PDB file of N, CA and C in Angstrom:
ATOM      1  N   UNK A   1      29.942 -11.900 -30.242  1.00  0.00           N
ATOM      2  CA  UNK A   1      29.625 -12.716 -29.066  1.00  0.00           C
ATOM      3  C   UNK A   1      29.448 -11.811 -27.849  1.00  0.00           C
ATOM      4  N   UNK A   2      30.391 -10.805 -27.726  1.00  0.00           N
ATOM      5  CA  UNK A   2      30.305  -9.919 -26.496  1.00  0.00           C
ATOM      6  C   UNK A   2      29.002  -9.109 -26.551  1.00  0.00           C
ATOM      7  N   UNK A   3      28.603  -8.660 -27.758  1.00  0.00           N
ATOM      8  CA  UNK A   3      27.351  -7.894 -27.880  1.00  0.00           C
ATOM      9  C   UNK A   3      26.133  -8.757 -27.499  1.00  0.00           C
ATOM     10  N   UNK A   4      26.167 -10.000 -27.890  1.00  0.00           N
ATOM     11  CA  UNK A   4      25.040 -10.885 -27.640  1.00  0.00           C
ATOM     12  C   UNK A   4      24.952 -11.148 -26.097  1.00  0.00           C
ATOM     13  N   UNK A   5      26.076 -11.272 -25.463  1.00  0.00           N
ATOM     14  CA  UNK A   5      26.091 -11.484 -23.997  1.00  0.00           C
ATOM     15  C   UNK A   5      25.613 -10.255 -23.282  1.00  0.00           C
ATOM     16  N   UNK A   6      26.062  -9.060 -23.735  1.00  0.00           N
ATOM     17  CA  UNK A   6      25.595  -7.871 -23.113  1.00  0.00           C
ATOM     18  C   UNK A   6      24.159  -7.648 -23.271  1.00  0.00           C
ATOM     19  N   UNK A   7      23.622  -7.958 -24.473  1.00  0.00           N
ATOM     20  CA  UNK A   7      22.186  -7.823 -24.709  1.00  0.00           C
ATOM     21  C   UNK A   7      21.395  -8.752 -23.851  1.00  0.00           C
ATOM     22  N   UNK A   8      21.883  -9.993 -23.694  1.00  0.00           N
ATOM     23  CA  UNK A   8      21.290 -11.032 -22.852  1.00  0.00           C
ATOM     24  C   UNK A   8      21.285 -10.590 -21.386  1.00  0.00           C
ATOM     25  N   UNK A   9      22.413  -9.990 -20.944  1.00  0.00           N
ATOM     26  CA  UNK A   9      22.526  -9.554 -19.561  1.00  0.00           C
ATOM     27  C   UNK A   9      21.557  -8.434 -19.262  1.00  0.00           C
ATOM     28  N   UNK A  10      21.337  -7.531 -20.239  1.00  0.00           N
ATOM     29  CA  UNK A  10      20.386  -6.427 -20.046  1.00  0.00           C
ATOM     30  C   UNK A  10      18.946  -6.767 -20.197  1.00  0.00           C
ATOM     31  N   UNK A  11      18.632  -7.817 -20.850  1.00  0.00           N
ATOM     32  CA  UNK A  11      17.235  -8.195 -21.174  1.00  0.00           C
ATOM     33  C   UNK A  11      16.476  -8.404 -19.837  1.00  0.00           C
ATOM     34  N   UNK A  12      15.328  -7.742 -19.755  1.00  0.00           N
ATOM     35  CA  UNK A  12      14.474  -7.884 -18.588  1.00  0.00           C
ATOM     36  C   UNK A  12      13.286  -8.759 -18.743  1.00  0.00           C
ATOM     37  N   UNK A  13      13.047  -9.299 -19.913  1.00  0.00           N
ATOM     38  CA  UNK A  13      11.884 -10.132 -20.187  1.00  0.00           C
ATOM     39  C   UNK A  13      11.953 -11.383 -19.344  1.00  0.00           C
ATOM     40  N   UNK A  14      13.114 -12.027 -19.324  1.00  0.00           N
ATOM     41  CA  UNK A  14      13.261 -13.269 -18.543  1.00  0.00           C
ATOM     42  C   UNK A  14      13.099 -13.068 -17.101  1.00  0.00           C
ATOM     43  N   UNK A  15      13.573 -11.945 -16.556  1.00  0.00           N
ATOM     44  CA  UNK A  15      13.426 -11.618 -15.151  1.00  0.00           C
ATOM     45  C   UNK A  15      11.958 -11.417 -14.806  1.00  0.00           C
ATOM     46  N   UNK A  16      11.248 -10.758 -15.637  1.00  0.00           N
ATOM     47  CA  UNK A  16       9.807 -10.514 -15.387  1.00  0.00           C
ATOM     48  C   UNK A  16       9.042 -11.870 -15.339  1.00  0.00           C
ATOM     49  N   UNK A  17       9.397 -12.713 -16.340  1.00  0.00           N
ATOM     50  CA  UNK A  17       8.706 -14.061 -16.375  1.00  0.00           C
ATOM     51  C   UNK A  17       8.986 -14.850 -15.123  1.00  0.00           C
ATOM     52  N   UNK A  18      10.248 -14.803 -14.652  1.00  0.00           N
ATOM     53  CA  UNK A  18      10.581 -15.541 -13.442  1.00  0.00           C
ATOM     54  C   UNK A  18       9.829 -14.957 -12.203  1.00  0.00           C
ATOM     55  N   UNK A  19       9.718 -13.587 -12.174  1.00  0.00           N
ATOM     56  CA  UNK A  19       8.987 -12.996 -11.049  1.00  0.00           C
ATOM     57  C   UNK A  19       7.492 -13.385 -11.101  1.00  0.00           C
ATOM     58  N   UNK A  20       6.917 -13.409 -12.271  1.00  0.00           N
ATOM     59  CA  UNK A  20       5.484 -13.776 -12.346  1.00  0.00           C
ATOM     60  C   UNK A  20       5.365 -15.314 -11.939  1.00  0.00           C
ATOM     61  N   UNK A  21       6.323 -16.060 -12.338  1.00  0.00           N
ATOM     62  CA  UNK A  21       6.296 -17.487 -11.955  1.00  0.00           C
ATOM     63  C   UNK A  21       6.406 -17.699 -10.456  1.00  0.00           C
ATOM     64  N   UNK A  22       7.229 -16.869  -9.833  1.00  0.00           N
ATOM     65  CA  UNK A  22       7.318 -16.976  -8.386  1.00  0.00           C
ATOM     66  C   UNK A  22       6.075 -16.482  -7.639  1.00  0.00           C
ATOM     67  N   UNK A  23       5.420 -15.482  -8.162  1.00  0.00           N
ATOM     68  CA  UNK A  23       4.172 -15.003  -7.636  1.00  0.00           C
ATOM     69  C   UNK A  23       3.154 -16.070  -7.719  1.00  0.00           C
ATOM     70  N   UNK A  24       3.015 -16.636  -8.867  1.00  0.00           N
ATOM     71  CA  UNK A  24       1.964 -17.710  -9.148  1.00  0.00           C
ATOM     72  C   UNK A  24       2.240 -18.905  -8.171  1.00  0.00           C
ATOM     73  N   UNK A  25       3.488 -19.250  -8.030  1.00  0.00           N
ATOM     74  CA  UNK A  25       3.822 -20.393  -7.192  1.00  0.00           C
ATOM     75  C   UNK A  25       3.413 -20.075  -5.705  1.00  0.00           C
ATOM     76  N   UNK A  26       3.669 -18.891  -5.244  1.00  0.00           N
ATOM     77  CA  UNK A  26       3.277 -18.514  -3.913  1.00  0.00           C
ATOM     78  C   UNK A  26       1.773 -18.530  -3.763  1.00  0.00           C
ATOM     79  N   UNK A  27       1.027 -18.081  -4.750  1.00  0.00           N
ATOM     80  CA  UNK A  27      -0.485 -18.126  -4.677  1.00  0.00           C
ATOM     81  C   UNK A  27      -0.902 -19.524  -4.608  1.00  0.00           C
ATOM     82  N   UNK A  28      -0.329 -20.480  -5.424  1.00  0.00           N
ATOM     83  CA  UNK A  28      -0.735 -21.831  -5.451  1.00  0.00           C
ATOM     84  C   UNK A  28      -0.462 -22.542  -4.074  1.00  0.00           C
ATOM     85  N   UNK A  29       0.722 -22.178  -3.509  1.00  0.00           N
ATOM     86  CA  UNK A  29       1.099 -22.751  -2.182  1.00  0.00           C
ATOM     87  C   UNK A  29       0.006 -22.366  -1.107  1.00  0.00           C
ATOM     88  N   UNK A  30      -0.369 -21.035  -1.192  1.00  0.00           N
ATOM     89  CA  UNK A  30      -1.378 -20.528  -0.243  1.00  0.00           C
ATOM     90  C   UNK A  30      -2.660 -21.184  -0.475  1.00  0.00           C
ATOM     91  N   UNK A  31      -3.085 -21.430  -1.728  1.00  0.00           N
ATOM     92  CA  UNK A  31      -4.355 -22.094  -2.041  1.00  0.00           C
ATOM     93  C   UNK A  31      -4.306 -23.531  -1.520  1.00  0.00           C
ATOM     94  N   UNK A  32      -3.260 -24.204  -1.663  1.00  0.00           N
ATOM     95  CA  UNK A  32      -3.115 -25.599  -1.197  1.00  0.00           C
ATOM     96  C   UNK A  32      -3.238 -25.683   0.305  1.00  0.00           C
ATOM     97  N   UNK A  33      -2.615 -24.744   0.970  1.00  0.00           N
ATOM     98  CA  UNK A  33      -2.728 -24.781   2.452  1.00  0.00           C
ATOM     99  C   UNK A  33      -4.121 -24.422   2.933  1.00  0.00           C
ATOM    100  N   UNK A  34      -4.786 -23.509   2.248  1.00  0.00           N
ATOM    101  CA  UNK A  34      -6.162 -23.144   2.613  1.00  0.00           C
ATOM    102  C   UNK A  34      -7.126 -24.349   2.313  1.00  0.00           C
ATOM    103  N   UNK A  35      -6.962 -24.931   1.221  1.00  0.00           N
ATOM    104  CA  UNK A  35      -7.795 -26.089   0.905  1.00  0.00           C
ATOM    105  C   UNK A  35      -7.536 -27.294   1.795  1.00  0.00           C
ATOM    106  N   UNK A  36      -6.337 -27.426   2.276  1.00  0.00           N
ATOM    107  CA  UNK A  36      -6.002 -28.542   3.188  1.00  0.00           C
ATOM    108  C   UNK A  36      -6.727 -28.263   4.501  1.00  0.00           C
ATOM    109  N   UNK A  37      -6.722 -27.046   5.015  1.00  0.00           N
ATOM    110  CA  UNK A  37      -7.441 -26.751   6.285  1.00  0.00           C
ATOM    111  C   UNK A  37      -8.893 -26.897   6.076  1.00  0.00           C
ATOM    112  N   UNK A  38      -9.425 -26.453   4.929  1.00  0.00           N
ATOM    113  CA  UNK A  38     -10.865 -26.597   4.615  1.00  0.00           C
ATOM    114  C   UNK A  38     -11.251 -28.028   4.565  1.00  0.00           C
ATOM    115  N   UNK A  39     -10.465 -28.869   3.942  1.00  0.00           N
ATOM    116  CA  UNK A  39     -10.775 -30.321   3.834  1.00  0.00           C
ATOM    117  C   UNK A  39     -10.803 -31.011   5.182  1.00  0.00           C
ATOM    118  N   UNK A  40      -9.898 -30.578   6.048  1.00  0.00           N
ATOM    119  CA  UNK A  40      -9.876 -31.215   7.389  1.00  0.00           C
ATOM    120  C   UNK A  40     -11.193 -30.833   8.141  1.00  0.00           C
ATOM    121  N   UNK A  41     -11.655 -29.598   7.972  1.00  0.00           N
ATOM    122  CA  UNK A  41     -12.889 -29.230   8.680  1.00  0.00           C
ATOM    123  C   UNK A  41     -14.129 -29.947   8.110  1.00  0.00           C
ATOM    124  N   UNK A  42     -14.121 -30.065   6.811  1.00  0.00           N
ATOM    125  CA  UNK A  42     -15.284 -30.757   6.220  1.00  0.00           C
ATOM    126  C   UNK A  42     -15.332 -32.311   6.501  1.00  0.00           C
ATOM    127  N   UNK A  43     -14.178 -32.885   6.638  1.00  0.00           N
ATOM    128  CA  UNK A  43     -14.124 -34.361   7.002  1.00  0.00           C
ATOM    129  C   UNK A  43     -14.735 -34.450   8.385  1.00  0.00           C
ATOM    130  N   UNK A  44     -14.429 -33.583   9.300  1.00  0.00           N
ATOM    131  CA  UNK A  44     -14.979 -33.608  10.651  1.00  0.00           C
ATOM    132  C   UNK A  44     -16.549 -33.433  10.595  1.00  0.00           C
ATOM    133  N   UNK A  45     -16.957 -32.512   9.758  1.00  0.00           N
ATOM    134  CA  UNK A  45     -18.376 -32.267   9.571  1.00  0.00           C
ATOM    135  C   UNK A  45     -19.112 -33.501   9.074  1.00  0.00           C
ATOM    136  N   UNK A  46     -18.542 -34.160   8.039  1.00  0.00           N
ATOM    137  CA  UNK A  46     -19.137 -35.359   7.498  1.00  0.00           C
ATOM    138  C   UNK A  46     -19.156 -36.543   8.485  1.00  0.00           C
ATOM    139  N   UNK A  47     -18.125 -36.598   9.222  1.00  0.00           N
ATOM    140  CA  UNK A  47     -18.059 -37.697  10.254  1.00  0.00           C
ATOM    141  C   UNK A  47     -19.164 -37.399  11.273  1.00  0.00           C
ATOM    142  N   UNK A  48     -19.367 -36.134  11.655  1.00  0.00           N
ATOM    143  CA  UNK A  48     -20.437 -35.836  12.571  1.00  0.00           C
ATOM    144  C   UNK A  48     -21.818 -36.157  11.994  1.00  0.00           C
ATOM    145  N   UNK A  49     -22.046 -35.858  10.784  1.00  0.00           N
ATOM    146  CA  UNK A  49     -23.327 -36.175  10.094  1.00  0.00           C
ATOM    147  C   UNK A  49     -23.531 -37.681  10.050  1.00  0.00           C
ATOM    148  N   UNK A  50     -22.426 -38.412   9.725  1.00  0.00           N
ATOM    149  CA  UNK A  50     -22.495 -39.898   9.704  1.00  0.00           C
ATOM    150  C   UNK A  50     -22.898 -40.457  11.047  1.00  0.00           C
ATOM    151  N   UNK A  51     -22.267 -39.891  12.099  1.00  0.00           N
ATOM    152  CA  UNK A  51     -22.526 -40.392  13.482  1.00  0.00           C
ATOM    153  C   UNK A  51     -23.935 -40.147  13.841  1.00  0.00           C
ATOM    154  N   UNK A  52     -24.500 -38.896  13.518  1.00  0.00           N
ATOM    155  CA  UNK A  52     -25.892 -38.602  13.788  1.00  0.00           C
ATOM    156  C   UNK A  52     -26.896 -39.467  13.094  1.00  0.00           C
ATOM    157  N   UNK A  53     -26.578 -39.760  11.786  1.00  0.00           N
ATOM    158  CA  UNK A  53     -27.467 -40.578  11.027  1.00  0.00           C
ATOM    159  C   UNK A  53     -27.484 -42.053  11.566  1.00  0.00           C
ATOM    160  N   UNK A  54     -26.349 -42.515  11.913  1.00  0.00           N
ATOM    161  CA  UNK A  54     -26.258 -43.896  12.508  1.00  0.00           C
ATOM    162  C   UNK A  54     -26.913 -43.968  13.829  1.00  0.00           C
ATOM    163  N   UNK A  55     -26.837 -42.897  14.682  1.00  0.00           N
ATOM    164  CA  UNK A  55     -27.467 -42.883  15.989  1.00  0.00           C
ATOM    165  C   UNK A  55     -29.033 -42.833  15.867  1.00  0.00           C
ATOM    166  N   UNK A  56     -29.492 -42.175  14.776  1.00  0.00           N
ATOM    167  CA  UNK A  56     -30.972 -41.978  14.681  1.00  0.00           C
ATOM    168  C   UNK A  56     -31.598 -43.256  14.076  1.00  0.00           C
ATOM    169  N   UNK A  57     -30.778 -44.085  13.478  1.00  0.00           N
ATOM    170  CA  UNK A  57     -31.376 -45.297  12.824  1.00  0.00           C
ATOM    171  C   UNK A  57     -31.733 -46.414  13.775  1.00  0.00           C
TER     172      UNK A  57
END
């Protein structure tokens, strides 16, 4: 049992997987924030287009 716990304590595979998971989660959070800002700007653009189309009719 002690040998198994020592081997588990020294194993780096799990730590690497956790690090990769954290990196991926940070990238996803950055993408969501960027897409949120992009969506807000495109909503304004489409509202402007709609207003111009309604005014020209």
